[in-house]
Amino acid sequence: MRYLLLVSHGTFAPGLGSVIKMLVGERTDVLSCGMEDGMGADAYVRALEQTVSVIKPEDSVFVFGDLIGGSPLTNAINVLTQRGLMQNATVFGGANVPMVITATLQSDEDDETLKRDIISEGQAAIREFVLQLDDEEDESL
């Protein structure tokens, strides 16, 4: 089985999991753990260990972190390493909704194809939104 592990500062990861549930439906392969404000590293590691306890050595895991080098992602890598799970792990930083939706909807793809698609979709989603108003709409504002 391939798991998606969402990790972050604050409630971003659980919120991202909630968005996936809303858009894609309930998924047992999507796990999340946020390092909440005031939570020490030890408490976060314990929460992570509980979250990943369902992952077996033969499973693969795609890890999505909010920030490369941040404590949540660094601790997730450490926990997965200690549990012998990093050999089947792929780690992404700068996670966004399109990346995780892609990973969820294309769960049958091979790892290399999925990695490429996740990065492509994540990058494509980042752009400026410019609202074009015509003169008539401008006057009504």
C-alpha atoms as a PDB file:
ATOM      1  CA  MET A   1       0.000   0.000   0.000  1.00  0.00           C
ATOM      2  CA  ARG A   2       1.132   3.581  -0.605  1.00  0.00           C
ATOM      3  CA  TYR A   3       0.409   6.064   2.190  1.00  0.00           C
ATOM      4  CA  LEU A   4       0.375   9.844   1.991  1.00  0.00           C
ATOM      5  CA  LEU A   5       1.747  11.445   5.156  1.00  0.00           C
ATOM      6  CA  LEU A   6       0.962  15.149   5.585  1.00  0.00           C
ATOM      7  CA  VAL A   7       3.101  17.007   8.153  1.00  0.00           C
ATOM      8  CA  SER A   8       3.248  20.688   9.037  1.00  0.00           C
ATOM      9  CA  HIS A   9       3.522  23.474  11.507  1.00  0.00           C
ATOM     10  CA  GLY A  10       0.153  24.273  13.098  1.00  0.00           C
ATOM     11  CA  THR A  11      -3.009  22.849  11.594  1.00  0.00           C
ATOM     12  CA  PHE A  12      -1.998  23.015   7.924  1.00  0.00           C
ATOM     13  CA  ALA A  13      -1.523  19.228   7.562  1.00  0.00           C
ATOM     14  CA  PRO A  14      -4.795  18.234   9.274  1.00  0.00           C
ATOM     15  CA  GLY A  15      -6.547  20.987   7.292  1.00  0.00           C
ATOM     16  CA  LEU A  16      -5.061  19.677   4.062  1.00  0.00           C
ATOM     17  CA  GLY A  17      -6.297  16.217   5.032  1.00  0.00           C
ATOM     18  CA  SER A  18      -9.749  17.701   5.603  1.00  0.00           C
ATOM     19  CA  VAL A  19      -9.706  19.321   2.146  1.00  0.00           C
ATOM     20  CA  ILE A  20      -8.781  15.980   0.566  1.00  0.00           C
ATOM     21  CA  LYS A  21     -11.629  14.294   2.443  1.00  0.00           C
ATOM     22  CA  MET A  22     -14.048  16.979   1.204  1.00  0.00           C
ATOM     23  CA  LEU A  23     -12.918  16.797  -2.436  1.00  0.00           C
ATOM     24  CA  VAL A  24     -11.988  13.122  -2.836  1.00  0.00           C
ATOM     25  CA  GLY A  25     -13.750  11.349   0.023  1.00  0.00           C
ATOM     26  CA  GLU A  26     -12.615   9.462   3.100  1.00  0.00           C
ATOM     27  CA  ARG A  27      -9.226   7.816   2.560  1.00  0.00           C
ATOM     28  CA  THR A  28      -7.442   5.398   4.882  1.00  0.00           C
ATOM     29  CA  ASP A  29      -4.184   6.015   3.007  1.00  0.00           C
ATOM     30  CA  VAL A  30      -4.014   9.741   3.889  1.00  0.00           C
ATOM     31  CA  LEU A  31      -2.447  10.409   7.297  1.00  0.00           C
ATOM     32  CA  SER A  32      -1.724  13.793   8.868  1.00  0.00           C
ATOM     33  CA  CYS A  33       0.102  15.202  11.859  1.00  0.00           C
ATOM     34  CA  GLY A  34       0.546  18.875  12.707  1.00  0.00           C
ATOM     35  CA  MET A  35       3.047  20.344  15.153  1.00  0.00           C
ATOM     36  CA  GLU A  36       0.681  22.636  16.989  1.00  0.00           C
ATOM     37  CA  ASP A  37       1.661  25.939  18.566  1.00  0.00           C
ATOM     38  CA  GLY A  38       3.378  25.290  21.897  1.00  0.00           C
ATOM     39  CA  MET A  39       3.862  21.584  21.186  1.00  0.00           C
ATOM     40  CA  GLY A  40       7.378  20.448  21.997  1.00  0.00           C
ATOM     41  CA  ALA A  41       9.415  18.263  19.674  1.00  0.00           C
ATOM     42  CA  ASP A  42       9.031  15.219  21.951  1.00  0.00           C
ATOM     43  CA  ALA A  43       5.234  15.470  21.957  1.00  0.00           C
ATOM     44  CA  TYR A  44       5.211  15.919  18.183  1.00  0.00           C
ATOM     45  CA  VAL A  45       7.441  12.869  17.691  1.00  0.00           C
ATOM     46  CA  ARG A  46       5.082  10.800  19.864  1.00  0.00           C
ATOM     47  CA  ALA A  47       2.112  11.989  17.789  1.00  0.00           C
ATOM     48  CA  LEU A  48       4.002  11.168  14.573  1.00  0.00           C
ATOM     49  CA  GLU A  49       4.909   7.702  15.839  1.00  0.00           C
ATOM     50  CA  GLN A  50       1.247   7.026  16.557  1.00  0.00           C
ATOM     51  CA  THR A  51       0.204   8.403  13.154  1.00  0.00           C
ATOM     52  CA  VAL A  52       2.653   6.229  11.196  1.00  0.00           C
ATOM     53  CA  SER A  53       2.109   3.090  13.286  1.00  0.00           C
ATOM     54  CA  VAL A  54      -0.156   1.672  10.543  1.00  0.00           C
ATOM     55  CA  ILE A  55       2.622   1.835   7.917  1.00  0.00           C
ATOM     56  CA  LYS A  56       4.409  -1.475   7.394  1.00  0.00           C
ATOM     57  CA  PRO A  57       7.968  -1.935   6.042  1.00  0.00           C
ATOM     58  CA  GLU A  58       6.631  -3.255   2.720  1.00  0.00           C
ATOM     59  CA  ASP A  59       4.417  -0.157   2.259  1.00  0.00           C
ATOM     60  CA  SER A  60       5.568   2.999   0.523  1.00  0.00           C
ATOM     61  CA  VAL A  61       4.950   6.489   1.812  1.00  0.00           C
ATOM     62  CA  PHE A  62       4.861   9.866   0.099  1.00  0.00           C
ATOM     63  CA  VAL A  63       5.561  12.560   2.701  1.00  0.00           C
ATOM     64  CA  PHE A  64       4.240  16.088   2.127  1.00  0.00           C
ATOM     65  CA  GLY A  65       5.672  18.792   4.386  1.00  0.00           C
ATOM     66  CA  ASP A  66       4.912  22.482   4.547  1.00  0.00           C
ATOM     67  CA  LEU A  67       8.565  23.589   4.654  1.00  0.00           C
ATOM     68  CA  ILE A  68      11.761  21.840   3.614  1.00  0.00           C
ATOM     69  CA  GLY A  69      14.047  21.852   6.641  1.00  0.00           C
ATOM     70  CA  GLY A  70      11.225  22.617   9.075  1.00  0.00           C
ATOM     71  CA  SER A  71      10.871  20.692  12.334  1.00  0.00           C
ATOM     72  CA  PRO A  72       7.742  18.750  11.296  1.00  0.00           C
ATOM     73  CA  LEU A  73       9.326  17.408   8.106  1.00  0.00           C
ATOM     74  CA  THR A  74      12.712  16.774   9.732  1.00  0.00           C
ATOM     75  CA  ASN A  75      11.074  14.879  12.590  1.00  0.00           C
ATOM     76  CA  ALA A  76       8.927  12.888  10.154  1.00  0.00           C
ATOM     77  CA  ILE A  77      12.054  11.793   8.281  1.00  0.00           C
ATOM     78  CA  ASN A  78      13.703  10.806  11.580  1.00  0.00           C
ATOM     79  CA  VAL A  79      10.669   8.786  12.708  1.00  0.00           C
ATOM     80  CA  LEU A  80      10.390   7.019   9.353  1.00  0.00           C
ATOM     81  CA  THR A  81      14.137   6.276   9.427  1.00  0.00           C
ATOM     82  CA  GLN A  82      13.932   4.826  12.948  1.00  0.00           C
ATOM     83  CA  ARG A  83      11.032   2.604  11.869  1.00  0.00           C
ATOM     84  CA  GLY A  84      12.921   1.409   8.768  1.00  0.00           C
ATOM     85  CA  LEU A  85      10.462   3.085   6.398  1.00  0.00           C
ATOM     86  CA  MET A  86      12.658   5.623   4.576  1.00  0.00           C
ATOM     87  CA  GLN A  87      13.825   3.146   1.921  1.00  0.00           C
ATOM     88  CA  ASN A  88      10.274   3.251   0.492  1.00  0.00           C
ATOM     89  CA  ALA A  89       9.647   6.951   1.144  1.00  0.00           C
ATOM     90  CA  THR A  90       9.507   9.962  -1.155  1.00  0.00           C
ATOM     91  CA  VAL A  91       9.596  13.381   0.497  1.00  0.00           C
ATOM     92  CA  PHE A  92       8.174  16.669  -0.822  1.00  0.00           C
ATOM     93  CA  GLY A  93       8.427  20.129   0.727  1.00  0.00           C
ATOM     94  CA  GLY A  94       6.207  23.112  -0.023  1.00  0.00           C
ATOM     95  CA  ALA A  95       3.080  20.969  -0.184  1.00  0.00           C
ATOM     96  CA  ASN A  96      -0.111  22.373  -1.648  1.00  0.00           C
ATOM     97  CA  VAL A  97      -3.614  21.047  -2.331  1.00  0.00           C
ATOM     98  CA  PRO A  98      -3.050  20.157  -6.019  1.00  0.00           C
ATOM     99  CA  MET A  99       0.011  18.067  -5.107  1.00  0.00           C
ATOM    100  CA  VAL A 100      -1.910  15.956  -2.612  1.00  0.00           C
ATOM    101  CA  ILE A 101      -4.992  15.672  -4.843  1.00  0.00           C
ATOM    102  CA  THR A 102      -2.727  14.383  -7.624  1.00  0.00           C
ATOM    103  CA  ALA A 103      -1.161  11.829  -5.292  1.00  0.00           C
ATOM    104  CA  THR A 104      -4.603  10.723  -4.137  1.00  0.00           C
ATOM    105  CA  LEU A 105      -6.270  10.457  -7.530  1.00  0.00           C
ATOM    106  CA  GLN A 106      -3.284   8.852  -9.267  1.00  0.00           C
ATOM    107  CA  SER A 107      -2.546   6.328  -6.544  1.00  0.00           C
ATOM    108  CA  ASP A 108      -2.202   3.497  -9.088  1.00  0.00           C
ATOM    109  CA  GLU A 109       0.670   5.211 -10.953  1.00  0.00           C
ATOM    110  CA  ASP A 110       4.247   3.992 -10.545  1.00  0.00           C
ATOM    111  CA  ASP A 111       6.371   6.078  -8.164  1.00  0.00           C
ATOM    112  CA  GLU A 112       8.447   7.848 -10.835  1.00  0.00           C
ATOM    113  CA  THR A 113       5.429   8.928 -12.883  1.00  0.00           C
ATOM    114  CA  LEU A 114       3.583  10.022  -9.763  1.00  0.00           C
ATOM    115  CA  LYS A 115       6.558  12.044  -8.466  1.00  0.00           C
ATOM    116  CA  ARG A 116       6.814  13.878 -11.784  1.00  0.00           C
ATOM    117  CA  ASP A 117       3.057  14.571 -11.858  1.00  0.00           C
ATOM    118  CA  ILE A 118       2.963  15.755  -8.233  1.00  0.00           C
ATOM    119  CA  ILE A 119       5.737  18.291  -8.820  1.00  0.00           C
ATOM    120  CA  SER A 120       4.243  19.426 -12.125  1.00  0.00           C
ATOM    121  CA  GLU A 121       0.765  19.960 -10.649  1.00  0.00           C
ATOM    122  CA  GLY A 122       2.152  21.698  -7.572  1.00  0.00           C
ATOM    123  CA  GLN A 123       4.179  24.139  -9.660  1.00  0.00           C
ATOM    124  CA  ALA A 124       1.357  24.761 -12.143  1.00  0.00           C
ATOM    125  CA  ALA A 125      -0.968  25.761  -9.302  1.00  0.00           C
ATOM    126  CA  ILE A 126       1.253  28.637  -8.212  1.00  0.00           C
ATOM    127  CA  ARG A 127       0.481  31.785 -10.152  1.00  0.00           C
ATOM    128  CA  GLU A 128      -0.976  35.219  -9.719  1.00  0.00           C
ATOM    129  CA  PHE A 129      -4.724  35.554 -10.081  1.00  0.00           C
ATOM    130  CA  VAL A 130      -5.565  38.788 -11.884  1.00  0.00           C
ATOM    131  CA  LEU A 131      -9.168  39.933 -11.978  1.00  0.00           C
ATOM    132  CA  GLN A 132     -10.067  41.649 -15.244  1.00  0.00           C
ATOM    133  CA  LEU A 133     -12.819  44.218 -14.743  1.00  0.00           C
ATOM    134  CA  ASP A 134     -14.486  45.984 -17.635  1.00  0.00           C
ATOM    135  CA  ASP A 135     -15.455  49.676 -17.288  1.00  0.00           C
ATOM    136  CA  GLU A 136     -19.095  48.912 -16.426  1.00  0.00           C
ATOM    137  CA  GLU A 137     -18.113  46.626 -13.558  1.00  0.00           C
ATOM    138  CA  ASP A 138     -15.516  49.156 -12.397  1.00  0.00           C
ATOM    139  CA  GLU A 139     -18.186  51.842 -11.960  1.00  0.00           C
ATOM    140  CA  SER A 140     -20.431  49.568  -9.896  1.00  0.00           C
ATOM    141  CA  LEU A 141     -17.666  48.996  -7.347  1.00  0.00           C
END
